[in-house]
N, C-alpha and C. Protein backbone atom coordinates (compact mmCIF):
# COMPACT_ATOMS: atom_id res chain seq x y z
N MET A 1 206.04 121.49 82.52
CA MET A 1 204.98 121.49 83.06
C MET A 1 205.27 120.25 84.03
N ARG A 2 205.74 119.10 83.17
CA ARG A 2 205.89 117.69 84.35
C ARG A 2 206.98 117.69 85.17
N ILE A 3 207.79 118.42 84.82
CA ILE A 3 208.91 118.67 85.47
C ILE A 3 208.82 119.66 86.67
N LEU A 4 208.01 120.54 86.58
CA LEU A 4 207.44 121.31 87.61
C LEU A 4 206.56 120.09 89.06
N ILE A 5 205.71 119.75 88.44
CA ILE A 5 204.95 118.81 89.25
C ILE A 5 206.00 117.73 89.82
N PHE A 6 206.70 117.08 88.96
CA PHE A 6 207.96 116.14 89.56
C PHE A 6 208.41 117.01 90.40
N ILE A 7 209.05 117.86 90.36
CA ILE A 7 209.39 118.80 91.74
C ILE A 7 208.50 118.77 92.79
N LEU A 8 207.32 119.03 92.72
CA LEU A 8 206.57 119.59 93.81
C LEU A 8 206.07 118.26 94.50
N LEU A 9 206.39 116.91 93.55
CA LEU A 9 206.05 115.61 94.21
C LEU A 9 207.20 115.30 94.95
N ILE A 10 208.58 115.62 94.54
CA ILE A 10 209.44 115.09 95.20
C ILE A 10 209.91 116.19 96.96
N ASN A 11 209.18 117.35 96.44
CA ASN A 11 209.31 118.38 98.00
C ASN A 11 208.31 117.78 98.79
N PHE A 12 207.03 117.21 98.28
CA PHE A 12 206.44 116.66 99.48
C PHE A 12 206.60 115.39 100.18
N SER A 13 207.24 114.45 98.98
CA SER A 13 207.68 113.48 99.72
C SER A 13 208.64 113.62 100.60
N PHE A 14 209.54 114.63 100.32
CA PHE A 14 210.80 114.51 101.50
C PHE A 14 210.08 115.51 103.11
N ALA A 15 209.06 116.60 102.84
CA ALA A 15 208.41 116.67 103.73
C ALA A 15 207.52 115.53 104.39
N GLN A 16 206.94 114.67 104.05
CA GLN A 16 206.67 113.87 104.46
C GLN A 16 207.52 112.85 105.13
N ASN A 17 208.39 112.04 104.44
CA ASN A 17 209.79 111.64 105.43
C ASN A 17 210.07 112.54 106.50
N ALA A 18 210.51 113.67 106.38
CA ALA A 18 210.84 114.18 107.80
C ALA A 18 209.76 114.27 108.66
N ASP A 19 208.57 114.63 108.70
CA ASP A 19 207.65 114.29 109.66
C ASP A 19 207.62 112.98 110.58
N GLU A 20 207.80 111.89 109.43
CA GLU A 20 207.39 110.35 110.02
C GLU A 20 208.69 110.26 110.69
N ILE A 21 209.82 110.88 110.84
CA ILE A 21 211.26 110.22 110.95
C ILE A 21 211.36 111.15 112.51
N ILE A 22 210.74 112.55 112.25
CA ILE A 22 210.80 113.12 113.42
C ILE A 22 209.75 112.61 114.44
N ASN A 23 208.43 111.84 113.70
CA ASN A 23 207.77 111.12 114.90
C ASN A 23 208.25 110.14 115.43
N ARG A 24 208.95 109.37 114.46
CA ARG A 24 208.99 108.04 115.10
C ARG A 24 210.76 108.20 116.35
N THR A 25 211.15 109.36 116.12
CA THR A 25 212.07 109.68 116.79
C THR A 25 211.65 110.34 118.41
N ILE A 26 210.50 110.90 118.19
CA ILE A 26 209.76 111.27 119.42
C ILE A 26 209.67 109.89 120.27
N GLU A 27 208.71 108.83 119.48
CA GLU A 27 208.15 107.50 120.12
C GLU A 27 209.53 107.30 120.63
N VAL A 28 210.75 107.27 120.13
CA VAL A 28 211.71 106.38 121.06
C VAL A 28 212.21 107.08 121.77
N VAL A 29 212.29 108.66 122.05
CA VAL A 29 213.10 109.22 123.19
C VAL A 29 211.70 109.29 123.98
N GLU A 30 210.55 108.95 124.22
CA GLU A 30 209.92 108.75 125.16
C GLU A 30 210.03 107.83 125.83
N GLU A 31 210.22 106.33 124.47
CA GLU A 31 210.09 105.41 125.30
C GLU A 31 211.61 105.29 126.47
N ASN A 32 212.74 105.67 126.09
CA ASN A 32 213.98 106.00 126.88
C ASN A 32 213.70 106.64 127.80
N ASP A 33 212.68 107.84 128.06
CA ASP A 33 212.71 108.78 129.12
C ASP A 33 211.77 107.61 130.20
N LYS A 34 210.61 107.19 129.58
CA LYS A 34 209.88 106.08 130.52
C LYS A 34 210.67 105.27 131.63
N LYS A 35 212.15 104.83 130.73
CA LYS A 35 213.09 103.87 131.31
C LYS A 35 213.48 104.70 132.56
N LEU A 36 213.72 105.71 132.29
CA LEU A 36 214.86 106.48 133.02
C LEU A 36 213.93 106.59 134.75
N GLU A 37 212.53 106.68 134.54
CA GLU A 37 211.81 106.47 136.01
C GLU A 37 211.95 105.35 136.92
N ASN A 38 212.59 104.33 136.28
CA ASN A 38 212.84 102.67 136.72
C ASN A 38 214.64 103.53 136.91
N ILE A 39 215.65 104.44 137.01
CA ILE A 39 216.76 103.93 137.27
C ILE A 39 217.52 105.26 137.96
N SER A 40 218.23 104.81 139.17
CA SER A 40 218.82 105.54 139.91
C SER A 40 220.34 105.65 139.75
N GLY A 41 221.25 106.30 140.10
CA GLY A 41 222.46 106.09 139.90
C GLY A 41 223.22 107.50 140.49
N GLU A 42 224.36 107.65 139.79
CA GLU A 42 225.69 108.76 140.17
C GLU A 42 226.27 109.61 138.72
N PHE A 43 226.89 110.28 138.71
CA PHE A 43 227.60 111.17 137.94
C PHE A 43 228.59 112.24 137.87
N LYS A 44 229.48 112.63 137.45
CA LYS A 44 230.38 113.90 137.51
C LYS A 44 230.19 114.69 136.42
N LEU A 45 229.23 116.41 137.04
CA LEU A 45 229.09 116.91 135.97
C LEU A 45 230.21 117.82 135.78
N LYS A 46 230.44 118.35 134.55
CA LYS A 46 231.87 119.11 134.53
C LYS A 46 230.74 120.42 133.77
N VAL A 47 230.96 121.64 134.75
CA VAL A 47 230.08 122.75 133.61
C VAL A 47 231.78 123.65 133.62
N VAL A 48 231.64 124.33 132.62
CA VAL A 48 232.70 125.40 131.97
C VAL A 48 231.79 126.56 131.54
N LEU A 49 232.68 127.45 132.14
CA LEU A 49 231.67 128.95 131.90
C LEU A 49 232.61 129.81 131.02
N ASP A 50 232.65 130.23 130.05
CA ASP A 50 233.58 130.89 128.99
C ASP A 50 232.53 132.13 128.53
N TYR A 51 233.94 133.24 128.84
CA TYR A 51 233.38 134.89 128.67
C TYR A 51 234.39 135.19 127.71
N ASN A 52 233.36 135.84 126.57
CA ASN A 52 234.09 136.59 125.49
C ASN A 52 233.36 137.57 125.12
N LEU A 53 233.78 138.44 126.65
CA LEU A 53 232.91 139.54 126.62
C LEU A 53 233.74 141.22 126.35
N THR A 54 232.84 142.27 125.85
CA THR A 54 233.88 143.46 125.99
C THR A 54 234.40 143.75 127.13
N VAL A 55 233.73 143.71 128.15
CA VAL A 55 234.42 143.57 129.46
C VAL A 55 234.55 142.72 130.35
N LYS A 56 234.67 141.70 129.99
CA LYS A 56 235.07 140.37 130.27
C LYS A 56 235.66 139.47 129.44
N LYS A 57 236.62 138.81 130.26
CA LYS A 57 237.27 137.50 129.27
C LYS A 57 237.62 136.40 130.12
N GLY A 58 237.44 135.16 129.69
CA GLY A 58 237.75 134.28 130.98
C GLY A 58 237.40 133.10 130.75
N ASN A 59 237.99 131.86 131.34
CA ASN A 59 237.13 130.72 131.52
C ASN A 59 237.92 129.76 132.95
N TYR A 60 236.26 129.36 133.13
CA TYR A 60 236.51 128.54 134.76
C TYR A 60 236.10 127.32 134.43
N GLU A 61 235.76 125.97 134.73
CA GLU A 61 235.56 124.75 135.18
C GLU A 61 235.72 124.45 136.52
N PHE A 62 234.42 123.65 136.91
CA PHE A 62 233.56 123.64 138.02
C PHE A 62 233.16 122.03 137.85
N LEU A 63 233.09 121.39 138.77
CA LEU A 63 232.94 119.99 138.85
C LEU A 63 231.57 120.05 140.19
N TYR A 64 231.07 118.78 139.90
CA TYR A 64 229.63 118.85 140.62
C TYR A 64 229.70 116.92 140.74
N ASP A 65 229.14 116.75 142.00
CA ASP A 65 228.91 115.23 142.27
C ASP A 65 227.02 115.36 142.37
N VAL A 66 226.44 114.29 140.75
CA VAL A 66 225.18 114.19 141.21
C VAL A 66 224.77 113.01 141.21
N LYS A 67 223.58 113.03 142.37
CA LYS A 67 222.73 112.28 142.53
C LYS A 67 221.58 112.22 141.88
N PHE A 68 220.64 110.98 141.35
CA PHE A 68 219.56 110.95 141.03
C PHE A 68 219.00 109.52 141.12
N GLU A 69 217.63 109.79 141.46
CA GLU A 69 216.27 108.70 142.20
C GLU A 69 215.29 108.70 140.88
N ASN A 70 215.18 107.44 140.17
CA ASN A 70 214.06 107.36 139.12
C ASN A 70 213.98 108.69 138.60
N GLY A 71 215.26 108.73 137.77
CA GLY A 71 215.88 109.87 136.59
C GLY A 71 215.12 110.84 136.97
N VAL A 72 215.38 111.48 138.68
CA VAL A 72 215.03 112.54 139.04
C VAL A 72 216.33 113.26 139.59
N ILE A 73 216.94 114.19 139.64
CA ILE A 73 218.06 114.80 140.24
C ILE A 73 217.71 115.11 141.84
N LYS A 74 218.32 114.65 142.31
CA LYS A 74 218.13 114.52 143.94
C LYS A 74 219.39 115.71 144.67
N ASP A 75 220.49 115.39 144.04
CA ASP A 75 221.49 116.22 145.02
C ASP A 75 222.32 116.26 143.69
N ARG A 76 222.89 118.16 144.04
CA ARG A 76 224.02 118.11 142.99
C ARG A 76 224.75 118.85 143.74
N LYS A 77 226.29 118.54 144.02
CA LYS A 77 226.89 119.22 145.27
C LYS A 77 228.53 119.79 144.56
N LEU A 78 228.80 120.89 144.29
CA LEU A 78 230.13 121.22 144.12
C LEU A 78 231.12 121.02 144.83
N VAL A 79 232.09 120.67 143.90
CA VAL A 79 233.00 119.73 144.76
C VAL A 79 234.52 119.97 144.01
N SER A 80 234.48 121.57 143.09
CA SER A 80 235.78 121.61 142.77
C SER A 80 235.45 123.13 142.16
N THR A 81 236.45 124.07 142.08
CA THR A 81 236.41 125.40 141.63
C THR A 81 237.82 125.95 141.50
N PRO A 82 238.12 126.47 140.24
CA PRO A 82 239.28 127.16 140.21
C PRO A 82 239.69 127.99 141.14
N SER A 83 241.00 128.07 141.46
CA SER A 83 241.73 128.70 142.31
C SER A 83 241.37 130.38 142.32
N ASP A 84 241.41 130.78 140.75
CA ASP A 84 241.35 132.40 140.14
C ASP A 84 239.23 132.58 139.86
N VAL A 85 238.97 131.55 140.31
CA VAL A 85 237.66 132.08 139.59
C VAL A 85 236.87 133.44 140.77
N ASP A 86 236.28 134.60 139.84
CA ASP A 86 235.51 135.50 140.36
C ASP A 86 234.68 135.43 141.16
N SER A 87 234.07 136.35 141.55
CA SER A 87 233.18 136.03 142.18
C SER A 87 231.70 136.26 141.92
N SER A 88 231.42 136.17 141.03
CA SER A 88 230.26 136.64 139.49
C SER A 88 230.02 135.19 139.11
N SER A 89 231.34 134.71 138.94
CA SER A 89 231.17 133.23 137.98
C SER A 89 230.91 132.27 139.37
N LEU A 90 231.31 132.48 140.60
CA LEU A 90 231.30 131.52 141.87
C LEU A 90 229.88 131.75 141.86
N MET A 91 229.33 132.66 141.60
CA MET A 91 227.60 132.82 142.35
C MET A 91 227.04 132.28 141.03
N ILE A 92 227.27 131.53 139.80
CA ILE A 92 226.40 131.26 138.86
C ILE A 92 226.58 129.86 139.38
N ALA A 93 228.13 129.65 139.75
CA ALA A 93 228.25 127.96 139.89
C ALA A 93 227.07 127.55 140.72
N LYS A 94 227.27 128.52 142.27
CA LYS A 94 226.65 128.07 143.19
C LYS A 94 224.79 127.99 142.81
N GLN A 95 224.61 128.51 142.06
CA GLN A 95 223.14 128.41 141.41
C GLN A 95 222.94 127.35 140.48
N ILE A 96 224.16 126.98 139.94
CA ILE A 96 223.52 125.34 139.15
C ILE A 96 223.40 124.47 140.22
N GLU A 97 224.40 124.76 141.23
CA GLU A 97 224.45 123.77 142.28
C GLU A 97 223.04 123.17 143.05
N LYS A 98 222.24 124.31 142.96
CA LYS A 98 220.60 124.28 143.45
C LYS A 98 219.83 123.33 142.52
N VAL A 99 219.42 122.31 143.07
CA VAL A 99 218.36 121.33 142.21
C VAL A 99 216.99 122.14 142.15
N ARG A 100 216.51 122.52 140.79
CA ARG A 100 215.19 122.65 141.17
C ARG A 100 214.00 121.67 141.39
N ARG A 101 212.81 122.33 141.47
CA ARG A 101 211.77 120.93 142.36
C ARG A 101 211.58 120.17 140.71
N GLU A 102 211.56 118.60 140.91
CA GLU A 102 211.43 117.34 139.99
C GLU A 102 212.11 117.76 138.63
N GLU A 103 213.62 118.80 138.78
CA GLU A 103 214.69 118.24 137.78
C GLU A 103 214.93 117.03 137.32
N SER A 104 214.67 116.50 136.15
CA SER A 104 214.57 115.31 135.55
C SER A 104 215.97 115.44 134.06
N LEU A 105 216.26 113.81 134.14
CA LEU A 105 217.14 113.75 133.29
C LEU A 105 216.69 113.44 131.48
N LYS A 106 214.77 113.37 132.04
CA LYS A 106 214.68 113.27 130.56
C LYS A 106 215.06 114.42 129.49
N ILE A 107 215.38 113.68 128.42
CA ILE A 107 215.74 114.34 127.58
C ILE A 107 214.46 114.95 126.80
N LYS A 108 213.50 114.68 126.50
CA LYS A 108 212.67 115.11 125.14
C LYS A 108 212.87 116.69 125.23
N ASN A 109 212.57 117.01 126.50
CA ASN A 109 212.65 118.69 126.08
C ASN A 109 213.58 119.33 125.51
N LEU A 110 214.52 118.79 125.88
CA LEU A 110 216.15 119.19 125.23
C LEU A 110 216.58 119.27 123.74
N VAL A 111 215.98 117.85 123.14
CA VAL A 111 216.13 117.28 122.33
C VAL A 111 215.07 117.98 120.95
N PHE A 112 214.08 118.52 121.53
CA PHE A 112 212.66 119.05 120.57
C PHE A 112 212.00 119.99 121.86
N PRO A 113 212.81 121.35 121.74
CA PRO A 113 212.63 122.29 122.84
C PRO A 113 211.35 123.27 121.93
N PHE A 114 210.73 122.98 121.20
CA PHE A 114 209.92 123.44 120.36
C PHE A 114 208.01 122.68 120.90
N LEU A 115 208.31 121.54 121.50
CA LEU A 115 207.40 120.75 121.93
C LEU A 115 207.08 120.97 123.36
N ARG A 116 207.78 121.53 123.85
CA ARG A 116 207.78 122.28 125.33
C ARG A 116 207.15 123.69 125.63
N VAL A 117 205.93 123.53 125.26
CA VAL A 117 204.90 124.69 125.04
C VAL A 117 203.81 124.95 126.37
N GLY A 118 203.32 125.54 126.41
CA GLY A 118 202.44 125.68 127.37
C GLY A 118 200.51 125.45 126.53
N SER A 119 199.60 125.66 127.48
CA SER A 119 198.57 125.54 127.16
C SER A 119 197.98 127.15 126.57
N ASP A 120 198.67 127.95 127.03
CA ASP A 120 197.74 129.15 126.09
C ASP A 120 198.56 129.84 125.42
N LEU A 121 198.71 128.97 124.33
CA LEU A 121 199.76 129.71 122.96
C LEU A 121 198.16 129.79 122.14
N THR A 122 198.45 131.46 121.10
CA THR A 122 198.21 131.85 120.23
C THR A 122 198.41 131.37 118.90
N GLU A 123 199.55 131.20 118.94
CA GLU A 123 200.44 130.88 117.67
C GLU A 123 201.26 129.65 117.51
N LYS A 124 201.45 128.87 117.24
CA LYS A 124 202.10 127.73 116.94
C LYS A 124 202.33 126.51 115.46
N LYS A 125 203.50 127.10 114.90
CA LYS A 125 203.92 126.91 113.91
C LYS A 125 205.65 126.09 113.89
N ILE A 126 205.41 124.83 113.47
CA ILE A 126 206.70 123.76 113.51
C ILE A 126 206.45 123.43 111.80
N ASN A 127 207.84 123.42 111.24
CA ASN A 127 207.86 122.94 109.87
C ASN A 127 209.41 122.17 110.07
N PHE A 128 209.11 121.01 109.22
CA PHE A 128 210.21 120.11 109.27
C PHE A 128 211.10 119.97 107.85
N LYS A 129 211.72 119.58 107.56
CA LYS A 129 212.50 119.51 106.27
C LYS A 129 213.64 118.57 106.33
N PHE A 130 213.65 117.38 105.48
CA PHE A 130 214.55 116.73 105.82
C PHE A 130 216.00 117.32 104.47
N ASN A 131 216.98 116.82 104.81
CA ASN A 131 218.26 118.23 104.68
C ASN A 131 219.65 116.52 104.28
N GLY A 132 218.75 115.88 103.63
CA GLY A 132 219.92 114.62 103.40
C GLY A 132 220.45 114.13 104.70
N THR A 133 221.89 113.19 104.64
CA THR A 133 222.41 112.22 105.32
C THR A 133 223.63 112.65 105.75
N GLU A 134 224.00 112.15 106.95
CA GLU A 134 225.66 112.46 106.99
C GLU A 134 225.86 111.93 108.13
N LYS A 135 227.25 111.22 108.18
CA LYS A 135 227.77 110.27 109.18
C LYS A 135 228.73 111.48 110.36
N LEU A 136 228.14 110.92 111.67
CA LEU A 136 228.54 111.35 112.41
C LEU A 136 228.53 110.85 113.90
N SER A 137 229.66 110.78 114.32
CA SER A 137 230.31 110.18 115.64
C SER A 137 229.62 108.49 115.07
N GLY A 138 230.73 107.96 113.73
CA GLY A 138 230.03 106.73 113.32
C GLY A 138 229.01 106.09 113.28
N LYS A 139 228.15 107.17 113.07
CA LYS A 139 226.38 106.60 112.74
C LYS A 139 225.97 107.47 111.40
N ASN A 140 225.49 106.56 110.91
CA ASN A 140 224.53 107.15 109.55
C ASN A 140 223.40 107.76 109.88
N CYS A 141 223.13 109.02 109.69
CA CYS A 141 222.42 109.98 110.27
C CYS A 141 221.55 110.80 109.49
N PHE A 142 220.12 110.57 109.45
CA PHE A 142 219.33 111.18 108.95
C PHE A 142 219.53 112.67 109.59
N VAL A 143 219.49 114.00 108.89
CA VAL A 143 219.76 114.83 109.23
C VAL A 143 217.81 115.90 109.20
N ILE A 144 217.54 116.42 109.74
CA ILE A 144 216.15 117.37 109.69
C ILE A 144 216.51 118.89 109.82
N LYS A 145 216.04 119.71 109.29
CA LYS A 145 215.95 121.27 109.87
C LYS A 145 214.51 121.17 110.42
N VAL A 146 214.48 121.85 111.28
CA VAL A 146 213.92 122.44 111.87
C VAL A 146 213.10 123.79 112.05
N ASP A 147 211.99 124.50 111.66
CA ASP A 147 211.71 126.02 111.87
C ASP A 147 210.39 126.16 112.62
N TYR A 148 210.60 126.87 113.79
CA TYR A 148 209.35 127.01 114.67
C TYR A 148 208.88 128.41 115.04
N LYS A 149 207.48 128.65 115.40
CA LYS A 149 207.26 129.43 116.20
C LYS A 149 206.00 129.55 117.07
N VAL A 150 206.28 129.95 118.32
CA VAL A 150 205.01 129.46 119.46
C VAL A 150 204.96 131.16 119.65
N LYS A 151 203.56 131.16 120.30
CA LYS A 151 203.31 132.70 120.73
C LYS A 151 202.40 132.32 122.12
N SER A 152 202.12 133.21 122.72
CA SER A 152 201.68 133.41 123.84
C SER A 152 201.04 134.91 123.91
N ASP A 153 199.96 135.11 124.76
CA ASP A 153 199.71 136.57 125.16
C ASP A 153 201.06 137.44 126.38
N THR A 154 201.98 136.27 126.47
CA THR A 154 203.03 137.09 127.16
C THR A 154 204.66 136.70 126.80
N SER A 155 204.37 136.05 125.94
CA SER A 155 205.37 135.57 125.58
C SER A 155 205.67 134.90 124.13
N SER A 156 207.06 134.93 123.35
CA SER A 156 206.92 134.15 122.39
C SER A 156 208.36 133.78 121.95
N SER A 157 208.23 132.52 121.38
CA SER A 157 209.97 131.98 120.82
C SER A 157 209.76 131.80 119.36
N GLU A 158 211.24 131.90 118.78
CA GLU A 158 210.69 131.34 117.05
C GLU A 158 212.29 130.94 117.17
N GLY A 159 212.55 130.07 116.37
CA GLY A 159 213.52 129.27 116.20
C GLY A 159 214.13 128.31 115.13
N THR A 160 215.37 128.08 114.64
CA THR A 160 215.71 127.36 113.16
C THR A 160 216.14 126.37 114.34
N GLY A 161 216.78 125.23 113.61
CA GLY A 161 217.63 123.93 114.25
C GLY A 161 217.78 123.27 113.09
N LYS A 162 218.63 121.95 113.77
CA LYS A 162 219.38 120.59 112.98
C LYS A 162 219.44 119.56 113.86
N ILE A 163 218.65 118.72 113.22
CA ILE A 163 219.03 117.36 114.38
C ILE A 163 219.33 116.21 113.42
N TRP A 164 220.47 115.83 114.00
CA TRP A 164 221.12 114.31 113.24
C TRP A 164 220.02 113.05 114.28
N ILE A 165 219.44 112.46 113.33
CA ILE A 165 218.86 111.00 114.08
C ILE A 165 219.80 109.95 113.21
N ASP A 166 220.11 108.66 114.39
CA ASP A 166 220.82 107.58 113.57
C ASP A 166 219.73 107.08 112.92
N GLN A 167 219.98 106.32 111.59
CA GLN A 167 219.11 106.00 110.59
C GLN A 167 218.77 104.61 110.93
N ARG A 168 219.25 103.83 111.84
CA ARG A 168 219.03 102.31 112.22
C ARG A 168 218.16 102.39 113.92
N SER A 169 218.73 103.49 114.28
CA SER A 169 217.68 103.53 115.67
C SER A 169 216.61 103.99 115.84
N TYR A 170 216.88 105.23 114.85
CA TYR A 170 216.21 106.72 114.99
C TYR A 170 216.30 107.74 116.59
N LEU A 171 217.44 106.87 117.21
CA LEU A 171 217.56 107.57 118.39
C LEU A 171 218.60 108.74 118.17
N PRO A 172 218.13 110.08 118.27
CA PRO A 172 218.89 111.54 118.55
C PRO A 172 220.62 111.63 118.44
N VAL A 173 220.94 112.18 117.77
CA VAL A 173 222.87 112.10 118.04
C VAL A 173 223.14 113.82 118.43
N ARG A 174 222.80 114.46 117.71
CA ARG A 174 222.95 115.79 117.95
C ARG A 174 222.18 116.78 117.63
N CYS A 175 222.00 117.90 118.16
CA CYS A 175 220.79 118.74 117.98
C CYS A 175 221.47 120.26 118.03
N GLU A 176 220.74 121.22 117.29
CA GLU A 176 221.35 122.60 117.25
C GLU A 176 220.34 123.49 116.57
N TYR A 177 219.99 124.32 118.07
CA TYR A 177 219.36 125.52 117.74
C TYR A 177 219.75 126.85 117.78
N ASP A 178 219.27 127.83 117.17
CA ASP A 178 218.91 129.11 117.20
C ASP A 178 217.66 129.90 117.78
N VAL A 179 217.66 130.43 119.01
CA VAL A 179 216.63 130.65 119.19
C VAL A 179 216.45 131.96 119.65
N THR A 180 215.24 132.47 119.77
CA THR A 180 215.05 134.24 119.76
C THR A 180 213.62 134.32 120.75
N TYR A 181 214.21 134.59 121.91
CA TYR A 181 212.60 134.63 122.81
C TYR A 181 212.43 135.72 123.05
N ASN A 182 211.12 136.60 123.37
CA ASN A 182 210.68 137.96 123.13
C ASN A 182 209.38 137.51 124.79
N SER A 183 209.75 138.30 125.85
CA SER A 183 208.66 138.24 126.77
C SER A 183 207.95 139.52 127.03
N LYS A 184 207.32 139.85 127.52
CA LYS A 184 207.12 141.49 127.94
C LYS A 184 208.21 141.68 129.61
N ARG A 185 208.22 140.65 130.06
CA ARG A 185 209.44 141.20 131.39
C ARG A 185 210.48 141.39 130.95
N PHE A 186 211.32 140.21 130.08
CA PHE A 186 212.74 140.58 130.32
C PHE A 186 213.05 140.97 128.51
N GLY A 187 212.00 141.43 127.55
CA GLY A 187 212.49 141.35 126.46
C GLY A 187 212.79 140.82 125.61
N LYS A 188 213.93 141.11 124.32
CA LYS A 188 213.91 140.40 123.21
C LYS A 188 215.13 139.84 123.69
N ASN A 189 215.57 137.91 123.56
CA ASN A 189 217.10 137.49 123.95
C ASN A 189 217.35 136.40 122.56
N GLN A 190 218.31 136.70 122.54
CA GLN A 190 218.87 135.26 121.74
C GLN A 190 219.94 134.03 122.53
N SER A 191 219.86 133.15 122.26
CA SER A 191 220.53 131.62 122.97
C SER A 191 220.67 130.76 121.43
N LYS A 192 221.81 129.81 121.65
CA LYS A 192 222.35 129.08 120.75
C LYS A 192 222.05 127.89 121.86
N GLN A 193 222.14 127.03 121.10
CA GLN A 193 222.04 125.53 121.82
C GLN A 193 223.11 123.90 120.78
N PHE A 194 224.02 123.48 121.57
CA PHE A 194 224.45 122.67 120.76
C PHE A 194 224.52 121.26 121.72
N LEU A 195 223.70 120.16 121.15
CA LEU A 195 223.45 119.07 122.18
C LEU A 195 223.63 118.02 121.58
N ASP A 196 225.18 117.32 122.18
CA ASP A 196 225.18 115.43 122.16
C ASP A 196 224.85 114.62 122.97
N VAL A 197 223.85 113.81 122.21
CA VAL A 197 223.29 112.99 123.28
C VAL A 197 224.15 111.31 123.35
N SER A 198 224.54 110.67 124.03
CA SER A 198 224.99 109.28 123.90
C SER A 198 224.15 108.56 125.02
N SER A 199 224.64 106.97 124.34
CA SER A 199 223.71 105.83 125.22
C SER A 199 224.93 105.29 126.57
N PHE A 200 224.31 105.08 127.59
CA PHE A 200 225.01 104.38 128.83
C PHE A 200 224.45 103.52 129.15
N ASN A 201 225.13 102.38 128.16
CA ASN A 201 224.20 101.30 128.92
C ASN A 201 222.63 101.32 128.24
N GLY A 202 222.56 101.34 126.86
CA GLY A 202 221.41 101.55 126.33
C GLY A 202 220.66 102.48 127.31
N ILE A 203 220.74 103.62 127.66
CA ILE A 203 220.19 104.31 128.21
C ILE A 203 220.69 106.09 127.65
N LEU A 204 219.39 106.68 126.77
CA LEU A 204 219.93 108.05 126.54
C LEU A 204 219.70 108.99 127.14
N LEU A 205 221.02 109.88 127.73
CA LEU A 205 221.59 111.29 128.40
C LEU A 205 222.21 111.86 127.72
N PRO A 206 222.05 113.06 128.21
CA PRO A 206 222.71 114.56 127.83
C PRO A 206 224.47 114.37 127.79
N ALA A 207 225.03 113.79 127.05
CA ALA A 207 226.52 113.94 127.43
C ALA A 207 227.28 115.15 127.19
N ARG A 208 226.80 116.56 126.06
CA ARG A 208 226.97 117.21 126.66
C ARG A 208 226.42 118.53 125.92
N ASN A 209 226.23 119.47 126.65
CA ASN A 209 225.12 120.27 126.38
C ASN A 209 225.80 121.66 126.19
N GLU A 210 225.85 122.46 125.11
CA GLU A 210 226.87 123.65 125.10
C GLU A 210 225.20 124.87 125.03
N VAL A 211 225.43 126.05 126.12
CA VAL A 211 224.34 126.74 125.56
C VAL A 211 225.16 128.02 125.44
N GLN A 212 224.99 129.01 124.25
CA GLN A 212 225.69 130.52 124.45
C GLN A 212 224.67 131.26 124.14
N VAL A 213 224.92 132.57 125.12
CA VAL A 213 223.90 133.58 125.34
C VAL A 213 224.43 134.89 125.00
N PHE A 214 223.73 135.68 124.56
CA PHE A 214 224.72 136.95 124.22
C PHE A 214 223.76 138.23 124.96
N PRO A 215 224.34 138.57 125.92
CA PRO A 215 224.22 139.67 126.99
C PRO A 215 224.31 140.99 125.82
N LYS A 216 223.16 142.08 126.00
CA LYS A 216 223.21 143.21 125.56
C LYS A 216 223.09 144.32 126.82
N ILE A 217 223.38 145.57 126.12
CA ILE A 217 223.44 146.75 126.68
C ILE A 217 222.57 147.54 126.19
N LEU A 218 221.06 148.53 126.36
CA LEU A 218 220.65 149.20 125.43
C LEU A 218 220.81 148.65 124.52
N PHE A 219 220.15 147.17 124.24
CA PHE A 219 219.93 146.79 122.76
C PHE A 219 221.45 146.16 122.13
N VAL A 220 222.21 146.60 122.15
CA VAL A 220 223.40 146.28 121.71
C VAL A 220 224.18 145.23 122.28
N LYS A 221 224.56 144.07 121.73
CA LYS A 221 225.24 142.98 122.32
C LYS A 221 226.82 143.02 122.35
N PHE A 222 227.10 142.73 123.46
CA PHE A 222 228.55 143.09 123.74
C PHE A 222 229.70 141.73 124.22
N GLY A 223 229.07 140.95 123.12
CA GLY A 223 229.79 139.52 123.28
C GLY A 223 228.94 138.29 123.40
N THR A 224 229.89 137.25 123.91
CA THR A 224 229.50 135.73 124.45
C THR A 224 229.72 135.09 125.51
N VAL A 225 228.89 134.77 126.24
CA VAL A 225 229.07 133.85 127.57
C VAL A 225 228.31 132.34 127.08
N LYS A 226 229.33 131.41 127.04
CA LYS A 226 229.14 129.91 127.11
C LYS A 226 229.44 129.36 127.82
N ILE A 227 228.02 128.61 128.34
CA ILE A 227 228.14 127.12 129.51
C ILE A 227 227.89 125.89 129.02
N VAL A 228 229.10 125.16 129.21
CA VAL A 228 228.88 123.79 128.78
C VAL A 228 229.03 123.09 129.47
N TYR A 229 227.84 121.63 129.99
CA TYR A 229 227.46 120.76 130.76
C TYR A 229 228.11 119.72 129.92
N GLU A 230 229.11 118.56 130.70
CA GLU A 230 229.08 117.54 130.47
C GLU A 230 229.05 116.72 131.76
N ALA A 231 228.12 115.02 131.53
CA ALA A 231 228.44 114.27 131.79
C ALA A 231 229.33 113.42 131.75
N ILE A 232 229.82 112.70 133.28
CA ILE A 232 231.39 111.71 132.87
C ILE A 232 231.04 110.78 134.20
N ASN A 233 231.77 109.55 133.78
CA ASN A 233 231.34 108.43 135.12
C ASN A 233 230.14 108.22 135.48
N VAL A 234 229.15 108.26 134.30
CA VAL A 234 227.77 107.98 134.65
C VAL A 234 227.48 106.40 135.49
N THR A 235 227.19 105.95 136.24
CA THR A 235 226.79 104.74 136.82
C THR A 235 225.40 104.48 137.51
N PHE A 236 224.62 103.76 136.94
CA PHE A 236 223.43 103.63 137.18
C PHE A 236 222.58 102.33 137.57
N PHE A 237 221.45 101.91 138.48
CA PHE A 237 221.26 100.59 138.35
C PHE A 237 220.12 100.55 138.32
N LEU A 238 219.01 99.47 137.53
CA LEU A 238 217.75 99.35 137.51
C LEU A 238 217.09 98.82 138.96
N LYS A 239 215.85 99.68 138.97
CA LYS A 239 215.09 99.27 140.36
C LYS A 239 214.89 97.55 140.21
């Protein structure tokens, strides 16, 4: 009986630690995103479309010039395309070129997608679990597992993930997520995300973001499409 109580206390302690680590990391990320509001600059964005489908295979690399002001993307110009690109991939590349309204470099929603929810939720469950420590990119990291489910009247999102957090600074280093979306309009879809976060002169930015989607025909998956975004040659200045 004493052993059982001890195990329960240990598990409760780890759960507390996981919540504390995540809360501290959220604070650090919010501080970082606040700094971005006073920063402008430019960088190169490399985008790779990789198809591994039963009906199509290929790998195409595109390059964009990106300019931002006060942490908000102002211009993203497609400057390089592969000579053998097909029309559908070029169309996707041109869609990426378009800048969405108030598109930001802030990383909070990328690192913590389960916090990016609306106010019309009917269900919200988020659980964190301490999963030990690992060394990643030369940093000693906490590893936190997350399971979450959020639901509204029109859509739901359910996923699992892992977050690597620098033990010294509480800065996120890497995130991995496997998420299933379900909506009345688009049905059920799965995606995976692999995000690497790096410091550029003390400011955290998404250095590499890989998104995997799994197209379906009549509910049957027929392969994988990977889209990889990589920021290079970042230069900026404080206002």
